[in-house]
C-alpha atoms as a PDB file:
ATOM      1  CA  MET A   1      37.711 -48.956  84.062  1.00  0.00           C
ATOM      2  CA  VAL A   2      38.858 -45.614  82.666  1.00  0.00           C
ATOM      3  CA  SER A   3      42.387 -47.036  82.360  1.00  0.00           C
ATOM      4  CA  ALA A   4      41.017 -50.170  80.674  1.00  0.00           C
ATOM      5  CA  ALA A   5      39.195 -47.966  78.159  1.00  0.00           C
ATOM      6  CA  LYS A   6      42.434 -46.121  77.353  1.00  0.00           C
ATOM      7  CA  VAL A   7      44.602 -49.220  77.097  1.00  0.00           C
ATOM      8  CA  CYS A   8      42.208 -51.776  75.608  1.00  0.00           C
ATOM      9  CA  GLY A   9      39.824 -49.626  73.594  1.00  0.00           C
ATOM     10  CA  ARG A  10      37.000 -51.622  72.039  1.00  0.00           C
ATOM     11  CA  ARG A  11      38.341 -54.806  73.680  1.00  0.00           C
ATOM     12  CA  ALA A  12      37.465 -53.425  77.135  1.00  0.00           C
ATOM     13  CA  LEU A  13      34.552 -54.814  79.105  1.00  0.00           C
ATOM     14  CA  ALA A  14      32.546 -53.243  81.931  1.00  0.00           C
ATOM     15  CA  ILE A  15      30.145 -55.216  84.100  1.00  0.00           C
ATOM     16  CA  VAL A  16      28.305 -53.259  86.789  1.00  0.00           C
ATOM     17  CA  ILE A  17      26.618 -55.456  89.393  1.00  0.00           C
ATOM     18  CA  THR A  18      24.631 -54.984  92.588  1.00  0.00           C
ATOM     19  CA  GLY A  19      25.805 -52.307  94.995  1.00  0.00           C
ATOM     20  CA  MET A  20      25.169 -48.864  96.457  1.00  0.00           C
ATOM     21  CA  GLY A  21      26.229 -45.590  94.937  1.00  0.00           C
ATOM     22  CA  LYS A  22      27.563 -44.658  91.518  1.00  0.00           C
ATOM     23  CA  ASP A  23      30.770 -46.691  91.513  1.00  0.00           C
ATOM     24  CA  GLY A  24      31.514 -47.875  88.011  1.00  0.00           C
ATOM     25  CA  ALA A  25      29.167 -45.574  86.096  1.00  0.00           C
ATOM     26  CA  ALA A  26      31.862 -43.196  84.817  1.00  0.00           C
ATOM     27  CA  GLY A  27      34.200 -46.072  84.016  1.00  0.00           C
ATOM     28  CA  ALA A  28      31.474 -47.934  82.134  1.00  0.00           C
ATOM     29  CA  LEU A  29      30.756 -44.762  80.153  1.00  0.00           C
ATOM     30  CA  ALA A  30      34.456 -44.429  79.265  1.00  0.00           C
ATOM     31  CA  ILE A  31      34.422 -48.004  77.954  1.00  0.00           C
ATOM     32  CA  LYS A  32      31.209 -47.440  75.999  1.00  0.00           C
ATOM     33  CA  ARG A  33      32.715 -44.317  74.395  1.00  0.00           C
ATOM     34  CA  VAL A  34      35.587 -46.364  72.945  1.00  0.00           C
ATOM     35  CA  ASP A  35      33.097 -48.949  71.648  1.00  0.00           C
ATOM     36  CA  GLY A  36      33.815 -51.504  74.373  1.00  0.00           C
ATOM     37  CA  LYS A  37      31.114 -53.788  75.739  1.00  0.00           C
ATOM     38  CA  THR A  38      29.100 -52.697  78.793  1.00  0.00           C
ATOM     39  CA  LEU A  39      26.612 -54.650  80.862  1.00  0.00           C
ATOM     40  CA  ALA A  40      24.687 -53.974  84.051  1.00  0.00           C
ATOM     41  CA  GLN A  41      22.828 -56.444  86.211  1.00  0.00           C
ATOM     42  CA  ASP A  42      19.052 -56.077  85.996  1.00  0.00           C
ATOM     43  CA  GLN A  43      16.970 -54.828  88.903  1.00  0.00           C
ATOM     44  CA  ALA A  44      15.174 -58.128  89.518  1.00  0.00           C
ATOM     45  CA  THR A  45      18.385 -60.012  90.354  1.00  0.00           C
ATOM     46  CA  SER A  46      20.198 -57.162  92.148  1.00  0.00           C
ATOM     47  CA  VAL A  47      20.267 -57.079  95.934  1.00  0.00           C
ATOM     48  CA  ILE A  48      20.882 -53.319  95.756  1.00  0.00           C
ATOM     49  CA  TYR A  49      20.205 -51.695  92.375  1.00  0.00           C
ATOM     50  CA  GLY A  50      22.114 -48.434  92.979  1.00  0.00           C
ATOM     51  CA  MET A  51      25.264 -49.015  90.928  1.00  0.00           C
ATOM     52  CA  PRO A  52      23.561 -50.644  87.932  1.00  0.00           C
ATOM     53  CA  ARG A  53      20.854 -47.949  87.898  1.00  0.00           C
ATOM     54  CA  ALA A  54      23.439 -45.140  87.988  1.00  0.00           C
ATOM     55  CA  ALA A  55      25.313 -46.601  85.019  1.00  0.00           C
ATOM     56  CA  ILE A  56      22.088 -47.180  83.071  1.00  0.00           C
ATOM     57  CA  ASP A  57      20.816 -43.671  83.842  1.00  0.00           C
ATOM     58  CA  MET A  58      24.138 -42.248  82.626  1.00  0.00           C
ATOM     59  CA  GLY A  59      23.654 -43.997  79.271  1.00  0.00           C
ATOM     60  CA  ALA A  60      26.733 -46.149  79.797  1.00  0.00           C
ATOM     61  CA  ILE A  61      25.177 -49.596  79.395  1.00  0.00           C
ATOM     62  CA  ASP A  62      24.543 -51.682  76.274  1.00  0.00           C
ATOM     63  CA  GLU A  63      22.754 -54.649  77.868  1.00  0.00           C
ATOM     64  CA  VAL A  64      20.881 -55.247  81.138  1.00  0.00           C
ATOM     65  CA  PRO A  65      20.615 -59.015  81.652  1.00  0.00           C
ATOM     66  CA  PRO A  66      19.836 -60.860  84.869  1.00  0.00           C
ATOM     67  CA  LEU A  67      22.918 -61.910  86.832  1.00  0.00           C
ATOM     68  CA  PHE A  68      22.699 -65.549  85.731  1.00  0.00           C
ATOM     69  CA  GLU A  69      22.871 -64.523  82.025  1.00  0.00           C
ATOM     70  CA  ILE A  70      25.841 -62.152  82.178  1.00  0.00           C
ATOM     71  CA  ALA A  71      28.443 -64.823  81.444  1.00  0.00           C
ATOM     72  CA  THR A  72      26.634 -65.824  78.253  1.00  0.00           C
ATOM     73  CA  ARG A  73      26.824 -62.226  76.959  1.00  0.00           C
ATOM     74  CA  LEU A  74      30.617 -61.934  77.100  1.00  0.00           C
ATOM     75  CA  ARG A  75      31.397 -62.843  73.502  1.00  0.00           C
ATOM     76  CA  TYR A  76      32.173 -60.343  70.793  1.00  0.00           C
ATOM     77  CA  PRO A  77      30.805 -61.033  67.307  1.00  0.00           C
END
């Protein structure tokens, strides 16, 4: 994701979904810092909320929809 932030800038997209650990948090933050779009799966629909929580706690996430709504959030204005 860090490479995507550098290459794509505000056109980059980060989606952090269910999983253990902090994978994706730093990359999502890099994308957010270049004004890209960042989403994390909500706790209610996550099997394991570790990765989404880490990204949210880091301040890297713009939206926290349930898994079944993520696809509808992928448009830029």
